[in-house]
Protein backbone atom coordinates (compact mmCIF):
# COMPACT_ATOMS: atom_id res chain seq x y z
CA MET A 1 -4.08 26.47 -22.99
CA ARG A 2 -6.73 29.27 -23.15
CA PRO A 3 -10.44 27.93 -23.12
CA SER A 4 -10.85 29.17 -26.88
CA SER A 5 -7.64 27.50 -27.73
CA ALA A 6 -8.69 24.16 -26.04
CA ALA A 7 -12.08 24.21 -27.79
CA LYS A 8 -10.57 24.71 -31.24
CA ARG A 9 -8.31 21.83 -30.36
CA GLU A 10 -11.38 19.63 -29.64
CA GLN A 11 -13.17 20.70 -32.70
CA ILE A 12 -10.08 19.73 -34.74
CA LEU A 13 -9.99 16.35 -33.11
CA GLU A 14 -13.55 15.57 -33.57
CA ALA A 15 -13.12 16.71 -37.48
CA ALA A 16 -10.24 14.60 -37.69
CA SER A 17 -11.84 11.52 -36.17
CA THR A 18 -14.75 11.88 -38.53
CA LEU A 19 -12.60 12.20 -41.65
CA PHE A 20 -10.25 9.59 -40.72
CA VAL A 21 -13.03 7.06 -40.12
CA GLN A 22 -14.54 8.11 -43.33
CA ASN A 23 -11.84 8.45 -45.63
CA GLY A 24 -8.94 6.64 -44.04
CA PHE A 25 -5.64 8.02 -43.28
CA THR A 26 -4.22 8.42 -46.72
CA ASP A 27 -7.34 10.26 -48.17
CA THR A 28 -7.58 12.78 -45.19
CA SER A 29 -5.63 15.96 -45.47
CA MET A 30 -4.90 18.61 -42.96
CA GLU A 31 -6.71 20.90 -45.40
CA MET A 32 -9.87 18.83 -45.12
CA VAL A 33 -9.79 18.58 -41.36
CA ALA A 34 -9.43 22.49 -41.39
CA GLN A 35 -12.59 22.81 -43.50
CA GLU A 36 -14.46 20.23 -41.32
CA ALA A 37 -13.45 21.87 -38.00
CA GLY A 38 -14.29 25.35 -39.34
CA VAL A 39 -11.02 26.65 -38.60
CA SER A 40 -7.82 27.78 -40.82
CA LYS A 41 -5.25 25.13 -41.90
CA GLN A 42 -2.68 27.38 -39.81
CA THR A 43 -4.78 26.69 -36.72
CA VAL A 44 -4.64 22.86 -37.39
CA TYR A 45 -0.81 23.14 -37.90
CA SER A 46 -0.38 25.30 -34.64
CA HIS A 47 -1.94 22.40 -32.62
CA PHE A 48 -0.77 19.38 -34.64
CA GLY A 49 2.63 19.68 -36.23
CA ASN A 50 1.64 17.27 -38.97
CA LYS A 51 -0.80 14.64 -40.07
CA ASP A 52 0.88 11.76 -38.28
CA GLU A 53 0.55 13.77 -34.87
CA LEU A 54 -2.97 14.53 -35.62
CA PHE A 55 -4.05 11.01 -36.29
CA MET A 56 -2.55 9.68 -32.96
CA ALA A 57 -4.03 12.49 -30.84
CA ALA A 58 -7.41 11.63 -32.45
CA ILE A 59 -7.19 7.86 -31.44
CA GLN A 60 -5.72 8.90 -28.01
CA CYS A 61 -8.70 11.09 -27.55
CA LYS A 62 -11.13 8.34 -28.41
CA CYS A 63 -9.26 5.85 -25.98
CA GLN A 64 -9.13 8.52 -23.35
CA ARG A 65 -13.16 8.68 -23.37
CA TYR A 66 -13.17 4.97 -22.24
CA GLU A 67 -10.92 5.81 -19.37
CA LEU A 68 -8.97 2.46 -19.59
CA ALA A 69 -5.63 4.07 -18.45
CA ASP A 70 -7.32 5.56 -15.42
CA LEU A 71 -9.24 2.33 -14.82
CA CYS A 72 -6.09 0.59 -14.90
CA ALA A 73 -4.54 2.96 -12.32
CA ALA A 74 -7.42 2.61 -9.78
CA THR A 75 -6.84 0.94 -6.60
CA GLU A 76 -10.22 0.61 -4.85
CA GLY A 77 -12.00 -2.46 -4.81
CA SER A 78 -11.06 -6.14 -5.39
CA LEU A 79 -8.72 -7.21 -8.26
CA ARG A 80 -11.60 -9.29 -9.60
CA ASP A 81 -13.90 -6.20 -9.72
CA ARG A 82 -11.35 -3.98 -11.17
CA LEU A 83 -10.43 -6.20 -13.90
CA LEU A 84 -14.14 -6.67 -14.93
CA VAL A 85 -14.50 -2.88 -14.99
CA ILE A 86 -11.50 -2.82 -17.32
CA GLY A 87 -12.78 -5.65 -19.41
CA ARG A 88 -16.16 -4.12 -20.01
CA GLY A 89 -14.72 -0.81 -21.04
CA PHE A 90 -12.21 -2.53 -23.24
CA ILE A 91 -14.86 -4.41 -25.21
CA ARG A 92 -16.93 -1.18 -25.38
CA LEU A 93 -13.98 0.53 -27.00
CA LEU A 94 -13.18 -2.31 -29.40
CA LEU A 95 -16.75 -2.88 -30.55
CA SER A 96 -17.46 0.96 -31.14
CA GLU A 97 -18.09 2.02 -34.64
CA GLU A 98 -15.18 4.15 -34.59
CA ALA A 99 -12.76 1.86 -33.37
CA ARG A 100 -14.08 -0.78 -35.85
CA GLN A 101 -13.74 1.58 -38.91
CA VAL A 102 -10.27 2.95 -38.00
CA HIS A 103 -8.92 -0.48 -37.56
CA LYS A 104 -10.43 -1.60 -40.78
CA THR A 105 -8.95 1.14 -42.66
CA CYS A 106 -5.45 0.58 -41.18
CA ILE A 107 -5.67 -3.15 -42.20
CA ALA A 108 -6.84 -2.19 -45.68
CA GLN A 109 -3.94 0.32 -46.02
CA VAL A 110 -1.39 -1.84 -44.61
CA ASP A 111 0.53 -2.47 -47.80
CA THR A 112 0.17 1.05 -49.09
CA GLN A 113 0.24 3.24 -46.02
CA PRO A 114 1.90 1.07 -43.38
CA GLN A 115 2.70 4.12 -41.05
CA ALA A 116 -1.11 4.43 -40.33
CA ALA A 117 -1.04 1.03 -38.80
CA VAL A 118 1.97 1.71 -36.94
CA LEU A 119 0.61 5.12 -35.51
CA PHE A 120 -2.79 3.23 -34.69
CA PHE A 121 -0.87 0.58 -32.60
CA GLU A 122 1.13 3.30 -30.88
CA ALA A 123 -1.74 5.45 -29.87
CA GLY A 124 -4.30 2.80 -28.87
CA PRO A 125 -3.48 -0.93 -28.20
CA ARG A 126 0.33 -0.12 -26.88
CA VAL A 127 -1.00 2.42 -24.47
CA VAL A 128 -3.58 -0.04 -23.15
CA MET A 129 -1.25 -2.76 -22.91
CA ALA A 130 1.34 -0.73 -21.03
CA ALA A 131 -1.38 0.67 -18.52
CA LEU A 132 -2.54 -2.88 -17.75
CA THR A 133 0.97 -4.14 -17.50
CA GLU A 134 1.64 -1.61 -14.92
CA MET A 135 -1.54 -2.51 -13.05
CA LEU A 136 -0.32 -6.17 -13.10
CA GLU A 137 3.20 -5.48 -12.02
CA ARG A 138 1.66 -3.55 -8.95
CA GLU A 139 -0.58 -6.67 -8.10
CA CYS A 140 2.29 -8.91 -8.25
CA ARG A 141 4.18 -6.74 -5.90
CA ALA A 142 1.17 -6.73 -3.53
CA GLY A 143 1.10 -10.59 -3.69
CA GLN A 144 -2.33 -10.50 -5.41
CA ILE A 145 -1.07 -12.68 -8.46
CA HIS A 146 2.13 -14.23 -9.42
CA ALA A 147 3.29 -13.63 -12.92
CA ASP A 148 6.86 -13.98 -14.20
CA ASN A 149 6.19 -11.73 -17.08
CA PRO A 150 3.38 -9.32 -16.35
CA ARG A 151 3.42 -8.07 -19.80
CA HIS A 152 2.76 -11.26 -21.16
CA ALA A 153 -0.09 -11.76 -18.62
CA ALA A 154 -1.62 -8.32 -19.71
CA ILE A 155 -1.35 -9.23 -23.46
CA GLN A 156 -2.90 -12.65 -22.67
CA LEU A 157 -6.03 -11.04 -20.86
CA LEU A 158 -6.47 -8.59 -23.42
CA MET A 159 -6.45 -11.07 -26.39
CA MET A 160 -8.71 -13.29 -24.35
CA TRP A 161 -11.38 -10.69 -23.78
CA GLN A 162 -11.81 -10.07 -27.53
CA GLY A 163 -13.09 -13.35 -28.03
CA GLU A 164 -16.08 -14.10 -30.28
CA ALA A 165 -17.54 -10.60 -30.05
CA LYS A 166 -14.62 -8.95 -31.77
CA MET A 167 -14.70 -11.71 -34.62
CA ARG A 168 -18.31 -11.27 -35.25
CA SER A 169 -17.95 -7.42 -35.16
CA GLU A 170 -15.11 -7.40 -37.62
CA LEU A 171 -16.65 -9.72 -40.04
CA GLY A 172 -20.04 -8.17 -39.59
CA ILE A 173 -21.58 -11.66 -38.83
CA GLU A 174 -25.26 -11.31 -37.47
CA PRO A 175 -26.62 -11.76 -34.79
CA GLN A 176 -23.94 -9.94 -32.81
CA LEU A 177 -23.57 -11.16 -29.20
CA SER A 178 -25.84 -9.81 -26.84
CA ASP A 179 -24.51 -7.55 -23.79
CA ASP A 180 -25.53 -10.27 -21.51
CA GLU A 181 -23.51 -12.85 -23.59
CA ILE A 182 -20.38 -10.58 -23.75
CA ASP A 183 -20.45 -9.81 -20.00
CA THR A 184 -20.78 -13.41 -19.29
CA TYR A 185 -17.64 -14.18 -21.32
CA ILE A 186 -15.65 -11.29 -19.67
CA VAL A 187 -16.42 -12.71 -16.29
CA SER A 188 -15.33 -16.02 -17.30
CA CYS A 189 -12.06 -14.72 -18.81
CA VAL A 190 -11.30 -12.72 -15.42
CA ASP A 191 -11.91 -15.84 -13.25
CA LEU A 192 -9.78 -17.97 -15.59
CA PHE A 193 -6.87 -15.30 -15.64
CA LEU A 194 -7.17 -15.15 -11.75
CA ARG A 195 -6.98 -18.90 -11.32
CA GLY A 196 -4.10 -19.28 -13.71
CA TYR A 197 -2.14 -16.42 -11.98
CA ALA A 198 -2.97 -17.28 -8.38
CA PRO A 199 -0.19 -16.60 -5.95
């Protein structure tokens, strides 16, 4: 991809992310994205064949910035340290304003626009679950943990990490948990997980 083409793709993704957060999936059109990005509608379609593709790409782009898949693939350091890094990145992503707004929009439109929730799940949560599952499968083979079903173990850890911080964030309950409180909780989750799946 030529630099100018790559730059336009980034412009389109940024514009799409902004509009999907502001307006939701249903009320965002490809034409609106083109206007926001300062490109032609044809340019948008040349990069993304339809709105579904664009929505998924925008979510994937945001997730990639938190490098969760890369963190799950890392092999340096102890398993505990790596899980702590992944947990902290996961919570930062979950509590980001963009993630909160897109999630809220998908829930609000689940009856009228169910494909938005499906696309969100495929581009975000499912990718993270798959990356962590692969990591735990490797750790099982290496004898670091024992899990009969690494996918279940991955989902358990991800759900546990969300905890009170996500509930307060979604419901707008103040005060939100402090960074120290969240970190203490993440550490306790990882330690509990490793005890439960000790070889």
